[in-house]
Amino acid sequence: LVTYGNAFIIKVRGDSKYGKSYELFNRKVKPIVGMFVADATTMQVGVNKNNRITHYRQTMRGNNSNHFYHRNFGDFNTFSADDVIHLTYNKIPGTLTGLSNIIQVLDDVRALRKLEEEIEILGFQYSIPLYMYKVGTETHPASPGELEAVSSTVNYMPTYGMVVTPHSHDIKAVTNDNDPIDIMKFVDHFKKRIYSGLGISPVAMGDADTSNRNTSEVQDLSMQTITKAYQEIIKSKLEMEFFKELVLDSGSN
């Protein structure tokens, strides 16, 4: 439910010594004998011409001809709408499925990941600096074959080797004389956008240095509100679509 904004619980029905058949939406059904959480990424919603949900279809991965959920039709398992508890979060009116909070910050997550890759490249570049080797001066130009000899010496020297040169040779590391760009400011910017979009605090994510205590307490209250919303969704769905049926199959009204 948190990851995808949707969760699907499959109700398996059968004969049971603890319950008996009962009427549900004008049809007689057997009691629930098992419940299983289905992979939300494999589920599809089926509707009729009035856009009412009539069934769910699960795309099976691999050879699942003996799958215990329900009858198998080729590469799909099909379930009646009454046999599936569909929990949704951030469901937009007129749509059939919910939306995860990560959707609104997904582009920021990708941008942050790209920046982290760039930091890795920068670290490699600055740990192994680029050297410029100058051979000869205006008064003492390089002699024939001297450039090739220097190139061969540098290419085959040990990693921690040392080069001794005459006065006409000059070696220096190439650096950026301009003010360097602080890429970490961009990283912090996208991290803050992600935290804000998900309704979580930096402290909750183990990033305590980016927020003071008062700010984190306010953001943690927001996270608690979101958590309670998830709990309320699960509570109401189980009460209406699971516990209600347990009462019915016990013979009570």
C-alpha atoms as a PDB file:
ATOM      1  CA  LEU A   1       0.000   0.000   0.000  1.00  0.00           C
ATOM      2  CA  VAL A   2       2.842   2.381   0.820  1.00  0.00           C
ATOM      3  CA  THR A   3       5.008   1.452  -2.128  1.00  0.00           C
ATOM      4  CA  TYR A   4       2.393   1.342  -4.890  1.00  0.00           C
ATOM      5  CA  GLY A   5      -0.654   3.120  -3.423  1.00  0.00           C
ATOM      6  CA  ASN A   6      -2.526  -0.169  -3.912  1.00  0.00           C
ATOM      7  CA  ALA A   7      -2.726  -3.464  -2.050  1.00  0.00           C
ATOM      8  CA  PHE A   8      -4.701  -6.581  -2.965  1.00  0.00           C
ATOM      9  CA  ILE A   9      -5.771  -9.276  -0.510  1.00  0.00           C
ATOM     10  CA  ILE A  10      -7.159 -12.416  -2.139  1.00  0.00           C
ATOM     11  CA  LYS A  11      -9.889 -14.271  -0.241  1.00  0.00           C
ATOM     12  CA  VAL A  12      -9.884 -18.032  -0.836  1.00  0.00           C
ATOM     13  CA  ARG A  13     -13.211 -19.750  -0.178  1.00  0.00           C
ATOM     14  CA  GLY A  14     -13.951 -23.377   0.564  1.00  0.00           C
ATOM     15  CA  ASP A  15     -15.672 -25.840   2.862  1.00  0.00           C
ATOM     16  CA  SER A  16     -14.804 -25.351   6.520  1.00  0.00           C
ATOM     17  CA  LYS A  17     -15.884 -26.955   9.776  1.00  0.00           C
ATOM     18  CA  TYR A  18     -15.604 -23.540  11.450  1.00  0.00           C
ATOM     19  CA  GLY A  19     -18.013 -21.712   9.134  1.00  0.00           C
ATOM     20  CA  LYS A  20     -20.902 -22.221   6.769  1.00  0.00           C
ATOM     21  CA  SER A  21     -22.086 -20.747   3.470  1.00  0.00           C
ATOM     22  CA  TYR A  22     -23.938 -17.437   3.589  1.00  0.00           C
ATOM     23  CA  GLU A  23     -25.591 -14.851   1.361  1.00  0.00           C
ATOM     24  CA  LEU A  24     -23.335 -12.063   0.076  1.00  0.00           C
ATOM     25  CA  PHE A  25     -24.605  -9.508  -2.457  1.00  0.00           C
ATOM     26  CA  ASN A  26     -27.500 -11.765  -3.504  1.00  0.00           C
ATOM     27  CA  ARG A  27     -25.352 -14.825  -4.071  1.00  0.00           C
ATOM     28  CA  LYS A  28     -24.453 -17.768  -1.882  1.00  0.00           C
ATOM     29  CA  VAL A  29     -20.732 -18.038  -1.102  1.00  0.00           C
ATOM     30  CA  LYS A  30     -18.566 -20.396   0.872  1.00  0.00           C
ATOM     31  CA  PRO A  31     -16.711 -19.192   3.979  1.00  0.00           C
ATOM     32  CA  ILE A  32     -13.221 -17.715   3.786  1.00  0.00           C
ATOM     33  CA  VAL A  33     -10.574 -20.355   4.486  1.00  0.00           C
ATOM     34  CA  GLY A  34      -7.473 -18.354   3.588  1.00  0.00           C
ATOM     35  CA  MET A  35      -6.216 -14.869   2.710  1.00  0.00           C
ATOM     36  CA  PHE A  36      -3.131 -13.981   0.706  1.00  0.00           C
ATOM     37  CA  VAL A  37      -1.505 -10.686  -0.241  1.00  0.00           C
ATOM     38  CA  ALA A  38      -1.033 -10.475  -4.018  1.00  0.00           C
ATOM     39  CA  ASP A  39       1.804  -8.630  -5.745  1.00  0.00           C
ATOM     40  CA  ALA A  40       0.253  -5.276  -6.640  1.00  0.00           C
ATOM     41  CA  THR A  41       2.315  -5.034  -9.836  1.00  0.00           C
ATOM     42  CA  THR A  42       0.631  -8.153 -11.235  1.00  0.00           C
ATOM     43  CA  MET A  43      -2.990  -7.088 -10.681  1.00  0.00           C
ATOM     44  CA  GLN A  44      -5.433  -5.558 -13.184  1.00  0.00           C
ATOM     45  CA  VAL A  45      -8.936  -4.244 -12.581  1.00  0.00           C
ATOM     46  CA  GLY A  46     -11.836  -5.420 -14.767  1.00  0.00           C
ATOM     47  CA  VAL A  47     -14.985  -3.312 -15.227  1.00  0.00           C
ATOM     48  CA  ASN A  48     -18.300  -3.597 -17.058  1.00  0.00           C
ATOM     49  CA  LYS A  49     -19.869  -1.096 -19.455  1.00  0.00           C
ATOM     50  CA  ASN A  50     -21.057   0.971 -16.480  1.00  0.00           C
ATOM     51  CA  ASN A  51     -17.470   1.226 -15.214  1.00  0.00           C
ATOM     52  CA  ARG A  52     -18.264  -0.905 -12.169  1.00  0.00           C
ATOM     53  CA  ILE A  53     -15.561  -3.295 -10.971  1.00  0.00           C
ATOM     54  CA  THR A  54     -16.630  -6.870 -11.737  1.00  0.00           C
ATOM     55  CA  HIS A  55     -13.397  -8.850 -11.430  1.00  0.00           C
ATOM     56  CA  TYR A  56      -9.640  -8.729 -10.966  1.00  0.00           C
ATOM     57  CA  ARG A  57      -7.019 -10.416 -13.113  1.00  0.00           C
ATOM     58  CA  GLN A  58      -3.533 -11.365 -11.984  1.00  0.00           C
ATOM     59  CA  THR A  59      -0.729 -11.852 -14.476  1.00  0.00           C
ATOM     60  CA  MET A  60       1.163 -14.977 -13.473  1.00  0.00           C
ATOM     61  CA  ARG A  61       4.945 -15.108 -13.625  1.00  0.00           C
ATOM     62  CA  GLY A  62       6.455 -18.387 -14.725  1.00  0.00           C
ATOM     63  CA  ASN A  63       4.618 -21.696 -14.724  1.00  0.00           C
ATOM     64  CA  ASN A  64       1.811 -21.350 -12.188  1.00  0.00           C
ATOM     65  CA  SER A  65      -0.731 -23.823 -13.572  1.00  0.00           C
ATOM     66  CA  ASN A  66      -1.157 -25.295 -10.072  1.00  0.00           C
ATOM     67  CA  HIS A  67      -1.550 -21.932  -8.363  1.00  0.00           C
ATOM     68  CA  PHE A  68      -3.672 -22.243  -5.221  1.00  0.00           C
ATOM     69  CA  TYR A  69      -5.525 -18.936  -5.504  1.00  0.00           C
ATOM     70  CA  HIS A  70      -8.167 -19.672  -8.110  1.00  0.00           C
ATOM     71  CA  ARG A  71      -8.828 -21.127 -11.519  1.00  0.00           C
ATOM     72  CA  ASN A  72      -6.038 -20.430 -13.975  1.00  0.00           C
ATOM     73  CA  PHE A  73      -6.824 -19.179 -17.480  1.00  0.00           C
ATOM     74  CA  GLY A  74      -3.605 -19.402 -19.486  1.00  0.00           C
ATOM     75  CA  ASP A  75      -1.244 -16.787 -18.059  1.00  0.00           C
ATOM     76  CA  PHE A  76      -3.855 -15.165 -15.811  1.00  0.00           C
ATOM     77  CA  ASN A  77      -5.747 -15.838 -12.608  1.00  0.00           C
ATOM     78  CA  THR A  78      -9.203 -14.290 -12.488  1.00  0.00           C
ATOM     79  CA  PHE A  79     -10.993 -13.397  -9.254  1.00  0.00           C
ATOM     80  CA  SER A  80     -14.493 -12.144  -8.549  1.00  0.00           C
ATOM     81  CA  ALA A  81     -14.631  -8.607  -7.175  1.00  0.00           C
ATOM     82  CA  ASP A  82     -16.137 -10.025  -3.943  1.00  0.00           C
ATOM     83  CA  ASP A  83     -13.064 -12.208  -3.449  1.00  0.00           C
ATOM     84  CA  VAL A  84     -10.557  -9.349  -3.515  1.00  0.00           C
ATOM     85  CA  ILE A  85      -9.993  -6.688  -0.876  1.00  0.00           C
ATOM     86  CA  HIS A  86      -8.555  -3.733  -2.795  1.00  0.00           C
ATOM     87  CA  LEU A  87      -6.919  -1.111  -0.587  1.00  0.00           C
ATOM     88  CA  THR A  88      -6.095   2.238  -2.224  1.00  0.00           C
ATOM     89  CA  TYR A  89      -4.256   5.379  -1.160  1.00  0.00           C
ATOM     90  CA  ASN A  90      -4.432   8.775  -2.902  1.00  0.00           C
ATOM     91  CA  LYS A  91      -7.229   7.516  -5.112  1.00  0.00           C
ATOM     92  CA  ILE A  92      -8.407  10.233  -7.490  1.00  0.00           C
ATOM     93  CA  PRO A  93     -12.200  10.340  -7.975  1.00  0.00           C
ATOM     94  CA  GLY A  94     -13.181   8.604 -11.202  1.00  0.00           C
ATOM     95  CA  THR A  95     -10.128   6.326 -11.256  1.00  0.00           C
ATOM     96  CA  LEU A  96      -9.858   2.657 -10.274  1.00  0.00           C
ATOM     97  CA  THR A  97      -6.503   2.589  -8.494  1.00  0.00           C
ATOM     98  CA  GLY A  98      -4.555   4.613  -5.961  1.00  0.00           C
ATOM     99  CA  LEU A  99      -1.268   6.476  -6.253  1.00  0.00           C
ATOM    100  CA  SER A 100       1.862   6.155  -4.174  1.00  0.00           C
ATOM    101  CA  ASN A 101       3.404   9.259  -2.606  1.00  0.00           C
ATOM    102  CA  ILE A 102       6.632   8.484  -4.453  1.00  0.00           C
ATOM    103  CA  ILE A 103       4.987   9.338  -7.802  1.00  0.00           C
ATOM    104  CA  GLN A 104       5.086  13.086  -7.162  1.00  0.00           C
ATOM    105  CA  VAL A 105       8.795  13.049  -6.298  1.00  0.00           C
ATOM    106  CA  LEU A 106       9.966  10.328  -8.673  1.00  0.00           C
ATOM    107  CA  ASP A 107      11.682  12.814 -11.006  1.00  0.00           C
ATOM    108  CA  ASP A 108      13.484  14.330  -8.013  1.00  0.00           C
ATOM    109  CA  VAL A 109      14.667  10.869  -6.953  1.00  0.00           C
ATOM    110  CA  ARG A 110      16.056  10.263 -10.447  1.00  0.00           C
ATOM    111  CA  ALA A 111      17.782  13.681 -10.449  1.00  0.00           C
ATOM    112  CA  LEU A 112      19.321  12.970  -7.032  1.00  0.00           C
ATOM    113  CA  ARG A 113      20.589   9.609  -8.231  1.00  0.00           C
ATOM    114  CA  LYS A 114      22.148  11.269 -11.288  1.00  0.00           C
ATOM    115  CA  LEU A 115      23.894  13.823  -9.071  1.00  0.00           C
ATOM    116  CA  GLU A 116      25.268  11.045  -6.880  1.00  0.00           C
ATOM    117  CA  GLU A 117      26.754   9.410  -9.972  1.00  0.00           C
ATOM    118  CA  GLU A 118      28.351  12.724 -10.961  1.00  0.00           C
ATOM    119  CA  ILE A 119      29.867  13.044  -7.477  1.00  0.00           C
ATOM    120  CA  GLU A 120      31.432   9.617  -7.930  1.00  0.00           C
ATOM    121  CA  ILE A 121      32.989  10.748 -11.220  1.00  0.00           C
ATOM    122  CA  LEU A 122      34.246  13.990  -9.664  1.00  0.00           C
ATOM    123  CA  GLY A 123      35.826  12.093  -6.808  1.00  0.00           C
ATOM    124  CA  PHE A 124      37.704   9.902  -9.257  1.00  0.00           C
ATOM    125  CA  GLN A 125      38.895  12.892 -11.283  1.00  0.00           C
ATOM    126  CA  TYR A 126      40.154  14.862  -8.297  1.00  0.00           C
ATOM    127  CA  SER A 127      41.811  11.870  -6.634  1.00  0.00           C
ATOM    128  CA  ILE A 128      43.936  11.309  -9.743  1.00  0.00           C
ATOM    129  CA  PRO A 129      44.869  14.795 -11.008  1.00  0.00           C
ATOM    130  CA  LEU A 130      45.755  15.599 -14.601  1.00  0.00           C
ATOM    131  CA  TYR A 131      49.414  16.606 -15.062  1.00  0.00           C
ATOM    132  CA  MET A 132      50.804  18.839 -17.782  1.00  0.00           C
ATOM    133  CA  TYR A 133      54.403  18.119 -18.765  1.00  0.00           C
ATOM    134  CA  LYS A 134      56.080  20.935 -20.653  1.00  0.00           C
ATOM    135  CA  VAL A 135      59.206  20.089 -22.616  1.00  0.00           C
ATOM    136  CA  GLY A 136      61.542  22.896 -23.731  1.00  0.00           C
ATOM    137  CA  THR A 137      61.466  26.677 -23.475  1.00  0.00           C
ATOM    138  CA  GLU A 138      61.734  29.550 -25.936  1.00  0.00           C
ATOM    139  CA  THR A 139      65.495  29.647 -25.493  1.00  0.00           C
ATOM    140  CA  HIS A 140      65.941  25.878 -25.198  1.00  0.00           C
ATOM    141  CA  PRO A 141      63.365  24.196 -27.498  1.00  0.00           C
ATOM    142  CA  ALA A 142      62.805  20.453 -27.347  1.00  0.00           C
ATOM    143  CA  SER A 143      65.303  18.442 -29.308  1.00  0.00           C
ATOM    144  CA  PRO A 144      64.199  15.824 -31.862  1.00  0.00           C
ATOM    145  CA  GLY A 145      62.818  12.726 -30.146  1.00  0.00           C
ATOM    146  CA  GLU A 146      62.737  14.377 -26.713  1.00  0.00           C
ATOM    147  CA  LEU A 147      58.902  14.519 -26.527  1.00  0.00           C
ATOM    148  CA  GLU A 148      58.604  10.834 -27.409  1.00  0.00           C
ATOM    149  CA  ALA A 149      61.215   9.901 -24.803  1.00  0.00           C
ATOM    150  CA  VAL A 150      59.438  11.888 -22.087  1.00  0.00           C
ATOM    151  CA  SER A 151      56.046  10.383 -23.032  1.00  0.00           C
ATOM    152  CA  SER A 152      57.452   6.858 -22.869  1.00  0.00           C
ATOM    153  CA  THR A 153      59.090   7.540 -19.494  1.00  0.00           C
ATOM    154  CA  VAL A 154      55.881   8.907 -17.950  1.00  0.00           C
ATOM    155  CA  ASN A 155      53.700   6.105 -19.354  1.00  0.00           C
ATOM    156  CA  TYR A 156      55.849   3.319 -17.915  1.00  0.00           C
ATOM    157  CA  MET A 157      56.864   4.899 -14.606  1.00  0.00           C
ATOM    158  CA  PRO A 158      55.569   3.342 -11.342  1.00  0.00           C
ATOM    159  CA  THR A 159      52.397   4.751  -9.752  1.00  0.00           C
ATOM    160  CA  TYR A 160      54.394   6.363  -6.946  1.00  0.00           C
ATOM    161  CA  GLY A 161      57.436   7.060  -9.063  1.00  0.00           C
ATOM    162  CA  MET A 162      59.378  10.321  -9.403  1.00  0.00           C
ATOM    163  CA  VAL A 163      60.747  12.126 -12.442  1.00  0.00           C
ATOM    164  CA  VAL A 164      63.974  14.154 -12.382  1.00  0.00           C
ATOM    165  CA  THR A 165      64.077  16.793 -15.133  1.00  0.00           C
ATOM    166  CA  PRO A 166      66.478  19.477 -16.386  1.00  0.00           C
ATOM    167  CA  HIS A 167      65.621  23.186 -16.202  1.00  0.00           C
ATOM    168  CA  SER A 168      63.935  23.153 -19.605  1.00  0.00           C
ATOM    169  CA  HIS A 169      61.220  20.738 -18.415  1.00  0.00           C
ATOM    170  CA  ASP A 170      58.238  21.778 -16.337  1.00  0.00           C
ATOM    171  CA  ILE A 171      55.586  19.591 -14.644  1.00  0.00           C
ATOM    172  CA  LYS A 172      52.445  20.921 -12.955  1.00  0.00           C
ATOM    173  CA  ALA A 173      48.961  19.648 -12.049  1.00  0.00           C
ATOM    174  CA  VAL A 174      46.073  21.111 -14.048  1.00  0.00           C
ATOM    175  CA  THR A 175      43.545  22.788 -11.720  1.00  0.00           C
ATOM    176  CA  ASN A 176      40.402  24.849 -12.161  1.00  0.00           C
ATOM    177  CA  ASP A 177      41.283  28.436 -11.275  1.00  0.00           C
ATOM    178  CA  ASN A 178      37.612  29.469 -11.231  1.00  0.00           C
ATOM    179  CA  ASP A 179      35.442  29.135  -8.139  1.00  0.00           C
ATOM    180  CA  PRO A 180      34.331  25.484  -7.999  1.00  0.00           C
ATOM    181  CA  ILE A 181      30.618  24.688  -8.084  1.00  0.00           C
ATOM    182  CA  ASP A 182      29.352  23.217  -4.809  1.00  0.00           C
ATOM    183  CA  ILE A 183      27.399  20.233  -6.105  1.00  0.00           C
ATOM    184  CA  MET A 184      26.327  19.295  -2.586  1.00  0.00           C
ATOM    185  CA  LYS A 185      23.939  22.270  -2.556  1.00  0.00           C
ATOM    186  CA  PHE A 186      22.064  20.671  -5.453  1.00  0.00           C
ATOM    187  CA  VAL A 187      22.074  17.317  -3.659  1.00  0.00           C
ATOM    188  CA  ASP A 188      20.606  18.874  -0.509  1.00  0.00           C
ATOM    189  CA  HIS A 189      17.996  20.709  -2.593  1.00  0.00           C
ATOM    190  CA  PHE A 190      16.641  17.513  -4.164  1.00  0.00           C
ATOM    191  CA  LYS A 191      16.794  15.637  -0.864  1.00  0.00           C
ATOM    192  CA  LYS A 192      14.625  18.322   0.746  1.00  0.00           C
ATOM    193  CA  ARG A 193      12.136  18.093  -2.127  1.00  0.00           C
ATOM    194  CA  ILE A 194      11.912  14.320  -1.695  1.00  0.00           C
ATOM    195  CA  TYR A 195      11.479  14.548   2.077  1.00  0.00           C
ATOM    196  CA  SER A 196       8.764  17.179   1.672  1.00  0.00           C
ATOM    197  CA  GLY A 197       6.911  15.223  -1.017  1.00  0.00           C
ATOM    198  CA  LEU A 198       6.922  12.029   1.050  1.00  0.00           C
ATOM    199  CA  GLY A 199       5.904  13.838   4.231  1.00  0.00           C
ATOM    200  CA  ILE A 200       8.902  12.615   6.208  1.00  0.00           C
ATOM    201  CA  SER A 201      11.608  14.409   8.169  1.00  0.00           C
ATOM    202  CA  PRO A 202      15.361  14.258   7.563  1.00  0.00           C
ATOM    203  CA  VAL A 203      15.760  12.966  11.120  1.00  0.00           C
ATOM    204  CA  ALA A 204      13.455  10.019  10.361  1.00  0.00           C
ATOM    205  CA  MET A 205      15.632   9.223   7.337  1.00  0.00           C
ATOM    206  CA  GLY A 206      18.861   9.355   9.389  1.00  0.00           C
ATOM    207  CA  ASP A 207      19.855  12.736   7.957  1.00  0.00           C
ATOM    208  CA  ALA A 208      19.909  14.633  11.261  1.00  0.00           C
ATOM    209  CA  ASP A 209      22.453  17.269  10.174  1.00  0.00           C
ATOM    210  CA  THR A 210      20.045  18.914   7.729  1.00  0.00           C
ATOM    211  CA  SER A 211      17.300  19.872  10.168  1.00  0.00           C
ATOM    212  CA  ASN A 212      16.992  21.301  13.632  1.00  0.00           C
ATOM    213  CA  ARG A 213      14.983  19.598  16.356  1.00  0.00           C
ATOM    214  CA  ASN A 214      11.906  21.849  16.158  1.00  0.00           C
ATOM    215  CA  THR A 215      11.589  21.465  12.399  1.00  0.00           C
ATOM    216  CA  SER A 216      11.947  17.689  12.599  1.00  0.00           C
ATOM    217  CA  GLU A 217       9.251  17.467  15.281  1.00  0.00           C
ATOM    218  CA  VAL A 218       6.775  19.301  13.030  1.00  0.00           C
ATOM    219  CA  GLN A 219       7.660  17.072  10.082  1.00  0.00           C
ATOM    220  CA  ASP A 220       7.400  13.952  12.243  1.00  0.00           C
ATOM    221  CA  LEU A 221       3.844  14.967  13.172  1.00  0.00           C
ATOM    222  CA  SER A 222       3.071  15.136   9.466  1.00  0.00           C
ATOM    223  CA  MET A 223       4.516  11.652   9.009  1.00  0.00           C
ATOM    224  CA  GLN A 224       2.378  10.372  11.884  1.00  0.00           C
ATOM    225  CA  THR A 225      -0.716  11.822  10.181  1.00  0.00           C
ATOM    226  CA  ILE A 226       0.133   9.990   6.966  1.00  0.00           C
ATOM    227  CA  THR A 227       0.757   6.780   8.925  1.00  0.00           C
ATOM    228  CA  LYS A 228      -2.639   7.069  10.622  1.00  0.00           C
ATOM    229  CA  ALA A 229      -4.243   7.511   7.203  1.00  0.00           C
ATOM    230  CA  TYR A 230      -2.739   4.180   6.086  1.00  0.00           C
ATOM    231  CA  GLN A 231      -3.956   2.547   9.298  1.00  0.00           C
ATOM    232  CA  GLU A 232      -7.484   3.907   8.812  1.00  0.00           C
ATOM    233  CA  ILE A 233      -7.609   2.559   5.237  1.00  0.00           C
ATOM    234  CA  ILE A 234      -6.560  -0.916   6.385  1.00  0.00           C
ATOM    235  CA  LYS A 235      -8.927  -0.806   9.375  1.00  0.00           C
ATOM    236  CA  SER A 236     -12.025   0.194   7.403  1.00  0.00           C
ATOM    237  CA  LYS A 237     -11.374  -2.289   4.575  1.00  0.00           C
ATOM    238  CA  LEU A 238     -10.851  -5.237   6.916  1.00  0.00           C
ATOM    239  CA  GLU A 239     -13.933  -4.340   8.964  1.00  0.00           C
ATOM    240  CA  MET A 240     -16.222  -4.074   5.938  1.00  0.00           C
ATOM    241  CA  GLU A 241     -14.828  -6.813   3.709  1.00  0.00           C
ATOM    242  CA  PHE A 242     -13.323  -9.375   6.086  1.00  0.00           C
ATOM    243  CA  PHE A 243     -14.648  -9.222   9.662  1.00  0.00           C
ATOM    244  CA  LYS A 244     -18.173  -8.674   8.338  1.00  0.00           C
ATOM    245  CA  GLU A 245     -17.966 -11.969   6.439  1.00  0.00           C
ATOM    246  CA  LEU A 246     -16.590 -13.800   9.473  1.00  0.00           C
ATOM    247  CA  VAL A 247     -19.725 -12.735  11.331  1.00  0.00           C
ATOM    248  CA  LEU A 248     -21.918 -13.958   8.456  1.00  0.00           C
ATOM    249  CA  ASP A 249     -20.253 -17.374   8.121  1.00  0.00           C
ATOM    250  CA  SER A 250     -20.696 -17.916  11.861  1.00  0.00           C
ATOM    251  CA  GLY A 251     -24.446 -17.753  11.341  1.00  0.00           C
ATOM    252  CA  SER A 252     -24.920 -14.333  12.904  1.00  0.00           C
ATOM    253  CA  ASN A 253     -26.584 -11.357  11.235  1.00  0.00           C
END
